Structures are given as C-alpha cells and as structure tokens.
N, C-alpha and C. Protein backbone atom coordinates (compact mmCIF):
# COMPACT_ATOMS: atom_id res chain seq x y z
N MET A 1 112.80 124.67 101.16
CA MET A 1 114.28 124.80 101.86
C MET A 1 114.39 126.09 101.97
N LYS A 2 114.71 127.12 102.47
CA LYS A 2 115.42 128.05 102.64
C LYS A 2 116.98 128.41 102.33
N SER A 3 117.65 128.95 101.40
CA SER A 3 119.06 128.80 101.14
C SER A 3 119.38 130.21 101.53
N VAL A 4 118.51 131.16 102.02
CA VAL A 4 119.46 132.26 102.64
C VAL A 4 117.99 132.83 103.71
N LYS A 5 119.32 132.97 104.50
CA LYS A 5 118.67 133.09 106.13
C LYS A 5 118.36 134.54 106.15
N TYR A 6 117.03 134.84 106.88
CA TYR A 6 116.47 136.17 106.85
C TYR A 6 117.66 137.34 107.71
N ARG A 7 117.57 138.37 107.31
CA ARG A 7 118.05 139.25 107.47
C ARG A 7 117.45 140.19 108.15
N ASP A 8 117.26 140.36 109.10
CA ASP A 8 116.38 142.30 109.89
C ASP A 8 117.55 143.55 109.48
N ASP A 9 118.45 143.22 109.15
CA ASP A 9 119.29 144.55 109.07
C ASP A 9 118.59 144.85 107.47
N ILE A 10 118.57 143.83 107.10
CA ILE A 10 118.19 144.14 105.53
C ILE A 10 116.61 144.38 105.91
N ASP A 11 115.67 144.19 106.32
CA ASP A 11 114.34 144.65 106.42
C ASP A 11 114.52 145.93 107.02
N GLY A 12 114.99 146.41 108.00
CA GLY A 12 115.33 147.56 108.25
C GLY A 12 116.15 148.58 107.33
N LEU A 13 116.78 148.24 106.75
CA LEU A 13 116.78 149.30 105.58
C LEU A 13 115.82 149.22 104.59
N ARG A 14 115.50 148.33 104.60
CA ARG A 14 114.19 148.45 103.06
C ARG A 14 112.86 149.52 103.66
N ALA A 15 112.94 149.13 105.08
CA ALA A 15 111.59 150.02 105.60
C ALA A 15 111.90 151.89 106.24
N LEU A 16 112.99 151.94 106.29
CA LEU A 16 113.54 153.51 105.96
C LEU A 16 112.85 153.97 104.62
N SER A 17 113.90 153.34 103.73
CA SER A 17 113.73 153.25 102.13
C SER A 17 112.35 154.05 102.01
N VAL A 18 111.18 152.96 102.57
CA VAL A 18 110.07 152.91 102.08
C VAL A 18 109.68 154.43 103.05
N LEU A 19 110.20 154.54 103.91
CA LEU A 19 109.79 156.37 104.99
C LEU A 19 110.61 156.93 104.26
N ALA A 20 111.36 156.78 103.84
CA ALA A 20 111.89 158.27 102.71
C ALA A 20 110.69 158.40 101.81
N VAL A 21 110.67 157.59 100.92
CA VAL A 21 109.72 157.60 99.43
C VAL A 21 108.50 158.21 99.98
N LEU A 22 107.92 157.54 101.22
CA LEU A 22 106.79 158.20 101.40
C LEU A 22 106.74 159.88 102.01
N PHE A 23 107.83 159.74 103.13
CA PHE A 23 108.07 161.43 103.27
C PHE A 23 108.50 162.35 102.24
N TYR A 24 108.37 161.81 101.00
CA TYR A 24 109.11 162.65 99.49
C TYR A 24 107.78 163.23 99.09
N HIS A 25 107.02 161.90 98.98
CA HIS A 25 105.66 162.15 98.39
C HIS A 25 104.61 163.45 98.79
N LEU A 26 104.31 162.49 100.48
CA LEU A 26 103.85 163.96 101.22
C LEU A 26 104.42 165.17 101.53
N GLU A 27 105.89 165.17 101.19
CA GLU A 27 106.17 166.17 101.57
C GLU A 27 106.20 166.70 103.52
N ILE A 28 106.56 165.10 103.86
CA ILE A 28 106.93 165.80 105.52
C ILE A 28 108.46 165.57 105.58
N PHE A 29 108.71 166.57 106.34
CA PHE A 29 110.54 166.46 106.83
C PHE A 29 110.91 167.30 106.13
N ASN A 30 110.47 167.60 104.84
CA ASN A 30 111.01 168.26 104.00
C ASN A 30 112.40 167.42 103.47
N ILE A 31 112.23 166.08 103.00
CA ILE A 31 113.05 165.37 102.27
C ILE A 31 113.24 165.44 101.04
N PRO A 32 114.10 166.15 100.66
CA PRO A 32 113.95 166.68 99.06
C PRO A 32 114.39 165.52 98.08
N GLY A 33 115.30 164.26 98.93
CA GLY A 33 115.85 163.38 98.11
C GLY A 33 115.10 162.24 98.04
N GLY A 34 114.35 162.21 98.96
CA GLY A 34 113.35 160.56 99.33
C GLY A 34 113.46 160.10 98.30
N PHE A 35 113.15 159.70 97.21
CA PHE A 35 113.39 159.24 96.17
C PHE A 35 114.44 158.35 95.77
N LEU A 36 115.43 158.81 96.35
CA LEU A 36 116.82 157.71 97.03
C LEU A 36 116.11 156.38 97.62
N GLY A 37 115.19 156.83 98.31
CA GLY A 37 114.66 155.16 98.65
C GLY A 37 114.80 153.89 97.72
N VAL A 38 114.46 153.88 96.54
CA VAL A 38 113.99 153.19 95.26
C VAL A 38 115.42 153.19 94.90
N ASP A 39 116.28 153.47 95.06
CA ASP A 39 117.49 153.20 94.27
C ASP A 39 118.61 152.41 95.29
N ILE A 40 118.01 152.86 96.60
CA ILE A 40 118.53 151.68 97.79
C ILE A 40 117.97 150.29 97.31
N PHE A 41 116.53 149.85 97.01
CA PHE A 41 116.06 149.27 96.94
C PHE A 41 116.10 147.98 95.89
N PHE A 42 116.70 148.72 94.38
CA PHE A 42 117.62 147.82 93.90
C PHE A 42 118.57 147.33 93.94
N VAL A 43 119.87 148.34 94.85
CA VAL A 43 120.81 147.72 95.26
C VAL A 43 120.47 146.67 96.42
N ILE A 44 119.11 146.83 97.10
CA ILE A 44 118.71 145.08 98.07
C ILE A 44 118.53 143.84 97.35
N SER A 45 117.55 144.32 96.34
CA SER A 45 117.40 143.32 95.02
C SER A 45 118.48 142.02 94.50
N GLY A 46 119.29 143.45 93.99
CA GLY A 46 120.49 142.52 93.72
C GLY A 46 121.36 141.99 94.39
N TYR A 47 121.47 142.33 95.62
CA TYR A 47 121.95 141.56 97.07
C TYR A 47 121.55 140.10 97.01
N ILE A 48 120.21 140.81 97.32
CA ILE A 48 119.46 139.56 97.80
C ILE A 48 119.22 138.32 96.54
N ILE A 49 118.72 138.30 95.19
CA ILE A 49 119.05 138.00 94.39
C ILE A 49 120.40 136.71 94.11
N THR A 50 121.13 137.59 94.04
CA THR A 50 122.54 137.01 94.34
C THR A 50 122.92 136.29 94.90
N LYS A 51 122.74 136.37 95.67
CA LYS A 51 122.74 135.32 97.15
C LYS A 51 122.04 134.24 97.29
N LEU A 52 120.82 134.69 96.78
CA LEU A 52 119.89 133.28 96.58
C LEU A 52 120.32 132.27 95.71
N ILE A 53 120.65 133.20 94.53
CA ILE A 53 120.84 132.03 93.24
C ILE A 53 122.47 131.14 93.70
N THR A 54 123.64 132.22 93.98
CA THR A 54 124.91 131.51 94.04
C THR A 54 124.47 130.00 95.12
N LYS A 55 123.75 130.65 96.39
CA LYS A 55 124.14 129.46 97.49
C LYS A 55 123.11 128.44 96.94
N GLU A 56 121.90 128.74 96.22
CA GLU A 56 121.33 127.56 95.61
C GLU A 56 122.34 126.54 94.61
N HIS A 57 123.08 127.57 93.92
CA HIS A 57 124.07 127.04 93.04
C HIS A 57 124.98 125.95 93.34
N LYS A 58 125.23 126.48 95.14
CA LYS A 58 126.71 126.11 95.52
C LYS A 58 125.96 124.56 96.27
N LEU A 59 124.63 124.51 96.67
CA LEU A 59 123.93 123.42 97.47
C LEU A 59 123.68 122.51 96.35
N LYS A 60 123.72 123.06 94.92
CA LYS A 60 123.45 122.09 93.54
C LYS A 60 121.67 122.19 93.45
N ILE A 61 120.94 122.76 94.36
CA ILE A 61 119.46 123.00 94.32
C ILE A 61 118.70 124.03 93.10
N PHE A 62 119.62 124.44 92.78
CA PHE A 62 119.25 125.70 92.10
C PHE A 62 118.64 125.00 90.75
N LYS A 63 117.49 125.64 90.54
CA LYS A 63 116.59 125.49 89.14
C LYS A 63 115.89 126.73 88.22
N LEU A 64 116.58 126.89 87.22
CA LEU A 64 115.76 127.74 86.74
C LEU A 64 114.13 128.38 86.58
N SER A 65 113.28 126.68 86.40
CA SER A 65 111.60 127.23 85.91
C SER A 65 111.25 127.41 88.01
N GLU A 66 111.84 126.57 88.47
CA GLU A 66 111.68 126.89 90.60
C GLU A 66 111.82 128.33 90.81
N PHE A 67 113.12 129.03 90.16
CA PHE A 67 112.77 130.67 90.03
C PHE A 67 111.70 131.12 89.78
N TYR A 68 111.86 130.85 89.11
CA TYR A 68 110.60 132.09 87.82
C TYR A 68 109.48 131.36 88.50
N TRP A 69 108.78 130.54 88.76
CA TRP A 69 107.83 129.73 89.90
C TRP A 69 107.64 130.55 90.99
N ARG A 70 108.69 130.35 91.51
CA ARG A 70 108.56 131.56 93.18
C ARG A 70 108.24 132.70 93.12
N ARG A 71 108.72 133.32 91.71
CA ARG A 71 108.89 134.84 91.17
C ARG A 71 106.93 135.00 91.42
N ILE A 72 106.70 134.69 90.65
CA ILE A 72 105.47 134.22 89.82
C ILE A 72 104.38 134.25 91.09
N ARG A 73 104.72 133.39 92.02
CA ARG A 73 103.68 133.17 93.44
C ARG A 73 104.29 134.55 94.24
N ARG A 74 105.26 134.60 93.97
CA ARG A 74 105.37 136.10 95.07
C ARG A 74 104.83 137.75 94.50
N ILE A 75 104.34 137.40 93.08
CA ILE A 75 104.15 138.88 92.13
C ILE A 75 102.93 138.60 92.03
N ILE A 76 102.36 138.28 91.10
CA ILE A 76 101.47 138.08 90.63
C ILE A 76 100.21 138.01 91.40
N PRO A 77 99.88 137.32 92.39
CA PRO A 77 98.80 137.50 93.16
C PRO A 77 98.39 139.17 94.14
N PRO A 78 99.34 139.42 94.90
CA PRO A 78 99.07 140.77 95.18
C PRO A 78 99.01 141.72 93.74
N LEU A 79 99.77 141.35 92.81
CA LEU A 79 99.07 142.15 91.64
C LEU A 79 98.28 142.59 91.26
N ILE A 80 97.63 141.39 90.57
CA ILE A 80 96.11 141.26 90.35
C ILE A 80 95.06 142.47 91.31
N LEU A 81 95.45 141.90 92.98
CA LEU A 81 95.01 142.27 94.00
C LEU A 81 95.13 143.63 93.89
N THR A 82 96.16 144.52 93.41
CA THR A 82 96.39 145.51 93.34
C THR A 82 95.71 146.37 92.63
N LEU A 83 95.54 145.54 90.98
CA LEU A 83 95.05 146.32 90.12
C LEU A 83 93.44 146.36 90.01
N PHE A 84 92.66 144.95 90.81
CA PHE A 84 91.35 145.17 90.52
C PHE A 84 90.98 146.21 91.55
N ALA A 85 91.92 146.54 92.84
CA ALA A 85 91.17 147.67 93.77
C ALA A 85 91.21 148.79 93.48
N THR A 86 92.80 149.11 92.71
CA THR A 86 93.10 150.45 92.08
C THR A 86 91.33 150.57 90.91
N ASN A 87 91.57 150.19 89.97
CA ASN A 87 90.15 150.08 88.75
C ASN A 87 88.83 149.87 89.26
N LEU A 88 88.66 149.71 90.26
CA LEU A 88 87.32 149.52 91.45
C LEU A 88 86.97 150.63 91.46
N ILE A 89 87.92 151.57 92.39
CA ILE A 89 87.96 152.43 93.09
C ILE A 89 88.10 153.70 91.99
N ALA A 90 88.75 153.47 90.68
CA ALA A 90 89.13 154.76 89.33
C ALA A 90 87.41 154.69 88.79
N PHE A 91 87.09 153.61 88.84
CA PHE A 91 85.80 153.23 88.05
C PHE A 91 84.66 154.08 88.51
N PHE A 92 84.69 155.48 90.08
CA PHE A 92 83.84 155.89 90.38
C PHE A 92 84.49 157.37 90.34
N ILE A 93 85.61 157.58 90.42
CA ILE A 93 86.14 158.68 91.00
C ILE A 93 86.66 159.20 89.47
N PHE A 94 87.21 158.48 88.93
CA PHE A 94 88.13 159.07 87.73
C PHE A 94 87.24 159.57 86.24
N PHE A 95 87.41 160.74 85.86
CA PHE A 95 87.07 160.85 84.68
C PHE A 95 87.04 160.38 83.62
N PRO A 96 86.34 160.23 82.58
CA PRO A 96 86.63 159.20 81.52
C PRO A 96 87.58 159.09 80.75
N ASP A 97 88.73 160.47 80.40
CA ASP A 97 89.61 160.10 80.18
C ASP A 97 90.83 159.51 80.70
N GLU A 98 90.59 160.16 82.37
CA GLU A 98 91.52 159.44 83.25
C GLU A 98 91.45 157.77 83.42
N TYR A 99 90.18 157.40 83.34
CA TYR A 99 89.99 155.94 83.06
C TYR A 99 90.83 155.41 82.11
N ASP A 100 90.26 156.21 81.04
CA ASP A 100 91.28 155.30 79.60
C ASP A 100 92.35 155.08 79.95
N TYR A 101 93.53 156.29 80.17
CA TYR A 101 94.82 156.56 80.34
C TYR A 101 94.94 155.18 81.52
N LEU A 102 94.16 155.13 82.54
CA LEU A 102 94.61 153.93 83.72
C LEU A 102 94.01 152.69 82.87
N SER A 103 93.24 152.66 81.78
CA SER A 103 93.07 151.19 81.47
C SER A 103 94.64 150.70 80.44
N ARG A 104 95.00 151.65 79.97
CA ARG A 104 96.04 151.29 79.03
C ARG A 104 97.20 150.98 80.07
N ALA A 105 97.04 151.80 81.07
CA ALA A 105 98.22 151.40 82.09
C ALA A 105 98.67 150.27 83.09
N ASN A 106 96.95 149.55 82.83
CA ASN A 106 97.39 148.07 83.31
C ASN A 106 98.21 147.09 82.54
N LEU A 107 97.81 147.22 81.54
CA LEU A 107 98.11 146.01 80.33
C LEU A 107 100.02 146.56 80.84
N SER A 108 100.44 147.34 80.47
CA SER A 108 101.93 147.08 81.02
C SER A 108 102.05 147.13 82.34
N VAL A 109 101.35 147.30 83.22
CA VAL A 109 102.08 146.65 84.19
C VAL A 109 102.13 145.34 84.29
N PHE A 110 100.96 144.72 84.08
CA PHE A 110 101.23 142.94 84.36
C PHE A 110 101.94 142.58 83.40
N PHE A 111 102.36 143.20 82.84
CA PHE A 111 104.18 142.29 81.65
C PHE A 111 105.15 143.18 81.77
N PHE A 112 105.51 144.04 83.16
CA PHE A 112 106.08 144.03 83.54
C PHE A 112 107.09 144.85 82.49
N ILE A 113 106.03 146.10 81.93
CA ILE A 113 107.08 147.20 80.87
C ILE A 113 106.15 148.50 81.27
N SER A 114 105.61 148.13 82.47
CA SER A 114 105.38 149.93 82.56
C SER A 114 105.91 150.71 82.72
N ASN A 115 107.67 150.91 83.17
CA ASN A 115 108.48 152.06 83.19
C ASN A 115 108.58 152.38 81.91
N PHE A 116 108.71 151.53 81.03
CA PHE A 116 108.69 152.43 79.48
C PHE A 116 107.70 152.85 79.17
N PHE A 117 106.11 152.30 79.76
CA PHE A 117 104.41 153.33 79.19
C PHE A 117 104.76 154.63 79.67
N PHE A 118 105.25 154.29 81.05
CA PHE A 118 105.17 155.68 81.97
C PHE A 118 106.12 156.52 81.34
N TRP A 119 106.97 156.23 81.04
CA TRP A 119 108.05 156.98 80.19
C TRP A 119 107.77 158.19 78.98
N LYS A 120 106.82 157.16 77.96
CA LYS A 120 106.37 157.97 77.31
C LYS A 120 105.08 158.40 77.54
N ASN A 121 104.62 158.25 78.56
CA ASN A 121 103.06 158.55 78.58
C ASN A 121 103.09 159.74 80.19
N THR A 122 104.00 159.76 81.03
CA THR A 122 104.06 160.75 82.21
C THR A 122 104.87 160.98 82.53
N ASP A 123 105.29 162.52 82.92
CA ASP A 123 106.37 163.29 83.80
C ASP A 123 106.14 162.67 85.38
N TYR A 124 107.32 161.72 85.23
CA TYR A 124 107.40 161.16 86.77
C TYR A 124 107.40 162.72 88.30
N PHE A 125 107.62 163.93 87.48
CA PHE A 125 107.49 165.12 88.77
C PHE A 125 106.96 166.16 88.39
N ASN A 126 105.55 165.42 87.50
CA ASN A 126 104.36 166.83 87.74
C ASN A 126 103.53 166.28 88.13
N GLU A 127 102.32 166.81 87.85
CA GLU A 127 100.91 167.26 88.74
C GLU A 127 100.16 165.51 88.07
N LEU A 128 100.74 165.45 86.85
CA LEU A 128 99.69 164.36 86.21
C LEU A 128 100.03 163.05 87.05
N THR A 129 100.83 162.68 87.99
CA THR A 129 100.87 161.81 88.68
C THR A 129 100.09 161.52 89.76
N SER A 130 99.26 162.67 89.50
CA SER A 130 97.97 162.57 90.74
C SER A 130 97.39 161.69 90.04
N GLN A 131 97.08 161.92 88.88
CA GLN A 131 96.07 160.82 87.77
C GLN A 131 96.52 159.21 87.49
N SER A 132 97.85 159.30 88.03
CA SER A 132 98.31 157.61 87.62
C SER A 132 98.76 156.83 89.27
N PRO A 133 97.53 156.37 89.41
CA PRO A 133 97.80 155.64 90.81
C PRO A 133 98.69 154.38 90.55
N LEU A 134 98.79 154.01 89.31
CA LEU A 134 99.80 153.12 89.23
C LEU A 134 101.46 153.27 89.16
N LEU A 135 101.62 154.57 89.16
CA LEU A 135 103.09 154.98 88.46
C LEU A 135 104.26 154.00 89.32
N HIS A 136 103.58 154.09 90.51
CA HIS A 136 104.92 153.91 91.63
C HIS A 136 105.28 152.21 90.99
N THR A 137 104.59 151.23 89.82
CA THR A 137 105.09 150.16 89.19
C THR A 137 106.04 149.64 88.58
N TRP A 138 106.59 151.00 88.17
CA TRP A 138 107.63 151.46 87.23
C TRP A 138 108.51 150.50 87.55
N SER A 139 108.97 150.84 89.17
CA SER A 139 110.13 149.94 89.55
C SER A 139 110.13 148.29 89.96
N LEU A 140 108.53 147.80 89.89
CA LEU A 140 108.81 146.70 89.95
C LEU A 140 108.87 146.20 88.60
N SER A 141 108.62 146.61 87.19
CA SER A 141 108.80 146.46 86.10
C SER A 141 110.57 146.47 86.09
N VAL A 142 111.42 147.55 86.44
CA VAL A 142 112.69 147.24 86.61
C VAL A 142 113.03 145.87 87.24
N GLU A 143 112.46 145.92 88.20
CA GLU A 143 113.36 144.31 88.37
C GLU A 143 112.70 142.96 88.33
N GLU A 144 111.40 143.47 87.86
CA GLU A 144 111.15 142.03 86.86
C GLU A 144 111.56 142.00 85.76
N GLN A 145 112.22 142.62 84.85
CA GLN A 145 113.01 142.73 83.89
C GLN A 145 114.57 142.08 84.66
N PHE A 146 114.86 142.49 85.57
CA PHE A 146 116.30 142.03 86.42
C PHE A 146 116.14 140.55 86.37
N TYR A 147 115.01 140.20 86.68
CA TYR A 147 114.79 138.98 87.30
C TYR A 147 114.75 137.57 86.60
N ILE A 148 114.12 138.25 84.75
CA ILE A 148 113.91 137.35 83.95
C ILE A 148 115.34 137.24 83.49
N PHE A 149 116.20 137.58 82.77
CA PHE A 149 117.40 137.80 82.64
C PHE A 149 118.63 137.62 83.16
N PHE A 150 118.60 137.85 84.64
CA PHE A 150 119.72 137.72 85.52
C PHE A 150 120.30 136.33 85.78
N PRO A 151 119.06 135.02 86.20
CA PRO A 151 119.29 134.06 86.08
C PRO A 151 120.03 133.49 85.03
N ILE A 152 119.52 133.53 83.77
CA ILE A 152 119.99 133.10 82.68
C ILE A 152 121.21 133.52 82.34
N PHE A 153 121.88 134.56 82.69
CA PHE A 153 123.33 134.94 82.89
C PHE A 153 124.13 134.32 83.54
N PHE A 154 123.39 133.94 84.72
CA PHE A 154 124.26 133.47 85.68
C PHE A 154 124.46 131.82 85.29
N ILE A 155 123.50 131.18 84.83
CA ILE A 155 123.08 129.76 84.05
C ILE A 155 124.60 129.87 82.99
N PHE A 156 124.31 130.85 82.13
CA PHE A 156 125.68 130.52 80.91
C PHE A 156 126.70 130.97 81.29
N PHE A 157 127.21 131.96 81.80
CA PHE A 157 128.55 132.00 82.86
C PHE A 157 129.26 131.07 83.34
N TYR A 158 128.43 130.82 84.30
CA TYR A 158 128.98 128.90 84.93
C TYR A 158 128.77 128.36 84.42
N LYS A 159 128.38 128.03 83.69
CA LYS A 159 128.64 126.95 82.90
C LYS A 159 130.16 126.62 81.94
N LEU A 160 130.62 128.17 81.99
CA LEU A 160 132.42 128.28 81.96
C LEU A 160 133.37 128.24 82.77
N ASN A 161 132.69 127.49 84.05
CA ASN A 161 133.32 127.05 84.81
C ASN A 161 134.26 127.84 85.38
N ASN A 162 134.26 129.21 85.10
CA ASN A 162 134.90 130.30 85.64
C ASN A 162 134.36 131.10 86.50
N LYS A 163 134.17 130.93 87.49
CA LYS A 163 133.23 132.16 88.24
C LYS A 163 133.72 133.82 88.17
N ASN A 164 135.48 134.15 88.07
CA ASN A 164 135.95 135.33 87.64
C ASN A 164 134.69 136.02 86.09
N PHE A 165 134.62 135.10 85.53
CA PHE A 165 133.66 135.56 83.62
C PHE A 165 131.98 135.94 84.30
N PHE A 166 131.78 135.68 85.64
CA PHE A 166 130.31 136.19 85.46
C PHE A 166 130.35 137.73 86.51
N PHE A 167 131.36 137.66 87.26
CA PHE A 167 131.56 138.91 88.36
C PHE A 167 132.18 139.76 86.92
N TYR A 168 133.03 139.55 86.47
CA TYR A 168 133.48 140.31 85.80
C TYR A 168 132.47 141.21 84.55
N PHE A 169 131.43 140.06 84.08
CA PHE A 169 130.29 140.52 83.26
C PHE A 169 129.55 141.13 84.59
N ILE A 170 129.26 141.21 85.43
CA ILE A 170 128.09 142.29 85.98
C ILE A 170 129.20 143.63 86.34
N LEU A 171 129.97 143.67 86.87
CA LEU A 171 131.27 144.85 86.99
C LEU A 171 130.99 145.64 85.65
N THR A 172 131.22 144.64 84.25
CA THR A 172 131.40 145.69 83.42
C THR A 172 129.91 146.33 82.40
N SER A 173 128.94 145.43 82.99
CA SER A 173 127.44 146.01 82.90
C SER A 173 127.22 147.19 83.96
N CYS A 174 127.83 147.42 85.20
CA CYS A 174 127.85 148.43 85.73
C CYS A 174 128.14 149.26 85.41
N ILE A 175 129.54 149.49 84.84
CA ILE A 175 130.22 150.79 83.98
C ILE A 175 129.24 150.88 83.11
N LEU A 176 128.97 150.21 82.35
CA LEU A 176 128.15 150.79 80.93
C LEU A 176 126.92 151.29 81.10
N SER A 177 126.63 150.53 82.68
CA SER A 177 125.21 151.40 82.81
C SER A 177 125.14 152.86 83.11
N LEU A 178 126.29 153.13 84.29
CA LEU A 178 126.74 154.57 84.42
C LEU A 178 126.87 155.14 83.27
N PHE A 179 127.59 154.73 82.49
CA PHE A 179 127.79 155.73 81.38
C PHE A 179 126.86 156.02 80.81
N THR A 180 125.59 154.84 80.09
CA THR A 180 124.37 154.94 80.00
C THR A 180 123.54 156.75 80.36
N THR A 181 123.60 156.12 81.92
CA THR A 181 123.36 157.22 82.52
C THR A 181 123.84 158.40 82.34
N HIS A 182 124.83 158.51 82.53
CA HIS A 182 125.19 159.94 82.13
C HIS A 182 125.10 160.43 81.08
N ILE A 183 125.35 159.92 79.93
CA ILE A 183 124.74 160.53 78.49
C ILE A 183 122.88 160.68 78.24
N LEU A 184 122.39 159.71 79.07
CA LEU A 184 120.71 160.08 79.03
C LEU A 184 120.55 161.29 80.00
N GLY A 185 121.40 161.32 81.26
CA GLY A 185 120.94 162.64 82.07
C GLY A 185 121.46 163.29 81.10
N ARG A 186 122.29 163.70 80.55
CA ARG A 186 122.40 165.12 79.51
C ARG A 186 121.19 165.43 78.78
N LEU A 187 120.78 164.34 78.26
CA LEU A 187 119.39 164.36 76.98
C LEU A 187 118.17 164.84 77.64
N SER A 188 117.82 164.09 78.44
CA SER A 188 116.73 164.42 79.41
C SER A 188 116.14 163.19 81.02
N SER A 189 115.37 164.44 81.73
CA SER A 189 115.52 162.49 82.89
C SER A 189 114.72 161.77 82.94
N ASP A 190 113.71 161.99 82.08
CA ASP A 190 112.64 160.81 82.04
C ASP A 190 113.26 159.80 82.12
N PRO A 191 113.82 159.74 80.82
CA PRO A 191 114.20 158.16 80.14
C PRO A 191 115.52 157.74 81.23
N ASN A 192 116.29 158.95 81.78
CA ASN A 192 117.19 158.34 82.50
C ASN A 192 116.51 157.39 84.03
N PHE A 193 115.28 158.19 84.10
CA PHE A 193 114.48 158.20 85.60
C PHE A 193 113.85 156.73 85.12
N PHE A 194 113.84 156.10 84.39
CA PHE A 194 112.73 155.14 83.93
C PHE A 194 113.03 153.94 83.26
N PHE A 195 114.39 154.07 82.96
CA PHE A 195 114.82 153.07 81.94
C PHE A 195 115.58 152.15 82.92
N THR A 196 115.52 150.64 82.42
CA THR A 196 115.93 149.78 83.27
C THR A 196 117.82 149.93 82.89
N THR A 197 118.28 150.74 81.88
CA THR A 197 119.85 150.34 81.65
C THR A 197 120.28 151.75 82.59
N SER A 198 119.76 152.54 83.19
CA SER A 198 120.01 153.77 83.85
C SER A 198 120.05 153.05 85.40
N ARG A 199 119.70 151.87 85.52
CA ARG A 199 119.42 151.19 86.63
C ARG A 199 120.31 150.15 86.92
N VAL A 200 120.22 149.52 86.13
CA VAL A 200 121.21 148.06 86.24
C VAL A 200 122.92 148.29 87.03
N PHE A 201 123.19 149.27 87.51
CA PHE A 201 124.51 149.70 87.97
C PHE A 201 124.05 149.45 89.54
N GLU A 202 122.68 149.99 89.59
CA GLU A 202 122.56 150.15 90.80
C GLU A 202 122.00 148.45 91.65
N ILE A 203 121.51 147.72 90.72
CA ILE A 203 121.28 146.07 90.87
C ILE A 203 122.68 145.86 90.72
N GLY A 204 123.25 145.87 90.16
CA GLY A 204 124.58 145.58 90.30
C GLY A 204 125.82 145.68 90.97
N ILE A 205 125.28 146.63 91.92
CA ILE A 205 126.18 146.79 92.96
C ILE A 205 125.83 146.52 94.34
N GLY A 206 124.68 145.73 94.17
CA GLY A 206 123.89 145.01 95.42
C GLY A 206 124.54 143.47 94.70
N SER A 207 124.75 143.27 93.84
CA SER A 207 125.01 141.59 93.13
C SER A 207 126.47 141.44 93.19
N LEU A 208 127.45 142.42 92.97
CA LEU A 208 129.19 142.10 93.38
C LEU A 208 128.92 142.09 94.83
N THR A 209 128.56 143.12 95.14
CA THR A 209 128.43 142.70 97.02
C THR A 209 127.90 141.17 97.46
N ALA A 210 126.83 140.91 97.24
CA ALA A 210 127.25 139.54 97.49
C ALA A 210 127.69 138.64 97.07
N LEU A 211 128.53 139.07 95.71
CA LEU A 211 129.36 137.68 95.00
C LEU A 211 130.96 137.87 95.97
N ILE A 212 130.98 139.16 96.51
CA ILE A 212 132.39 139.35 97.21
C ILE A 212 132.24 139.01 97.94
N GLU A 213 131.12 138.74 99.01
CA GLU A 213 130.95 138.28 100.29
C GLU A 213 130.79 136.88 100.85
N GLN A 214 130.03 136.22 99.28
CA GLN A 214 130.06 134.98 99.49
C GLN A 214 131.90 134.45 98.63
N LYS A 215 132.50 135.15 98.34
CA LYS A 215 133.85 134.44 97.64
C LYS A 215 133.70 134.22 96.16
N TYR A 216 132.66 134.45 95.96
CA TYR A 216 132.63 133.98 94.29
C TYR A 216 133.41 134.67 93.44
N PHE A 217 134.66 134.50 93.42
CA PHE A 217 134.92 135.74 92.40
C PHE A 217 136.32 135.40 92.82
N PHE A 218 137.39 135.34 91.44
CA PHE A 218 139.05 135.48 92.06
C PHE A 218 139.27 133.72 92.59
N VAL A 219 138.64 132.88 92.39
CA VAL A 219 139.20 131.59 92.82
C VAL A 219 140.36 131.05 92.40
N ARG A 220 140.78 131.80 91.38
CA ARG A 220 142.14 131.26 90.39
C ARG A 220 142.99 131.91 91.00
N LEU A 221 142.38 133.29 90.92
CA LEU A 221 144.41 134.35 91.57
C LEU A 221 144.67 133.63 93.17
N LYS A 222 143.44 133.90 94.04
CA LYS A 222 143.69 133.53 95.58
C LYS A 222 144.35 132.17 95.32
N GLN A 223 144.55 131.33 94.82
CA GLN A 223 144.73 129.98 94.68
C GLN A 223 146.75 130.15 93.78
N LYS A 224 146.81 130.87 93.56
CA LYS A 224 148.38 131.14 92.96
C LYS A 224 149.01 131.97 93.78
N MET A 225 148.30 132.91 94.94
CA MET A 225 148.63 133.03 95.75
C MET A 225 149.62 132.70 96.93
C-alpha cells in the first residue's frame, strides 16, 4: 500500500539536482556551485521520509521493522551491484596501491560510514577524487544514518502524545546543526562537508516542511484559538 502519492515535481527537482552535480564535476556550462544539488537531495529526503512516516502513523500502519526492510530492499541490491562492478573494473585498471585504497573503502560504503572514511582519507576537492570511484557514496551514508535514527526519534516523541515535541525537536536539531556547521567551517571545509551533523539542518528543513504541510504540529495552540 502506497501512503505517499507520486510527485512528478519532486522528481523534476531531483533531475535538476543530478544535472547540476554532473555538470559541476564534468565542468560543463561552468556551474561553480553545482554540488549544491546534493544539498537539495538532502532536503528532498527529509521531506519524503517525514511525509511517509507521518502518513503511515496517521493510518496506523507504520511499523519500524517494515520501514527498515523497505530501505534494505531499496538500497542494498543496487549498492552490491555497484560495488561489484566498480571492483571488477578497478581490478584491471588500478595500480596496487589504488586498489588497496578501494578495498578499504568498500567496507565503509557497505556499512554506511563512508562519509567518515573519506573525510579521513580524501579531500573531496583535490585530484585524488579521480582515484576514488566510490567517493559519491558519502551522501548515501549520511542519508542512511538519518534513516536509521529518524524513525526511532519519531516513535519516541509521538508516544508522548504531543506532536509539538517532535516538531520542536527537529527545529532545535536544525539550529544546532547550523551552529555546528558554522564552527566546523572555521576549522576546516572537509569535516564540514562530510559530517552528518553538518547536514542535519538540510534534512531537517525538508522534514519541517512536511510537518507544516500536513499540519502535524501546534495542534493544541490551534484548538485554543
């Protein structure tokens, strides 16, 4: 049963985001900020997942195990295929030290911690990126870390029988994330780029948008007015 209707406008926004990132990396049309397409993806992810969970909760069909199982079915098969194809090609064209680096990256990708692996081992904006065919998976790791913890927080706050708590939790998380991003930005661009804490506010913006759209907050306030 689909609890969220297909949105062609969101798919269109995704397409524009993909093109922006591709044009940036291929240096087409001179788009210096094309990597912002990734930021848009995070906002979309927060919006879609929040809308899905809240609607299923409203219909009383939300199950944490089913949510995780859907993520596994959606992510793991194409991820395994990507890892297999990447390693097969790299076996024939990489030098030994490059292949060793790729082998170490494989585990971090599979366990969705590649954003931290690449933060420690790669500068996203230098020439080593050409030797890191799995570098793009850092954003997948950030999203999956969000998918793991977000529904748990949702269940916790909604069991308090006050939707406002969850809304304020997301809002507070966004503010703290922005503060963290500001601090890290002064220290180094690398952790600011890869760390999940620096991306929470982007995902949170999408989540807050979904909550506002569905009027999943300020329930008591509206009743008093």
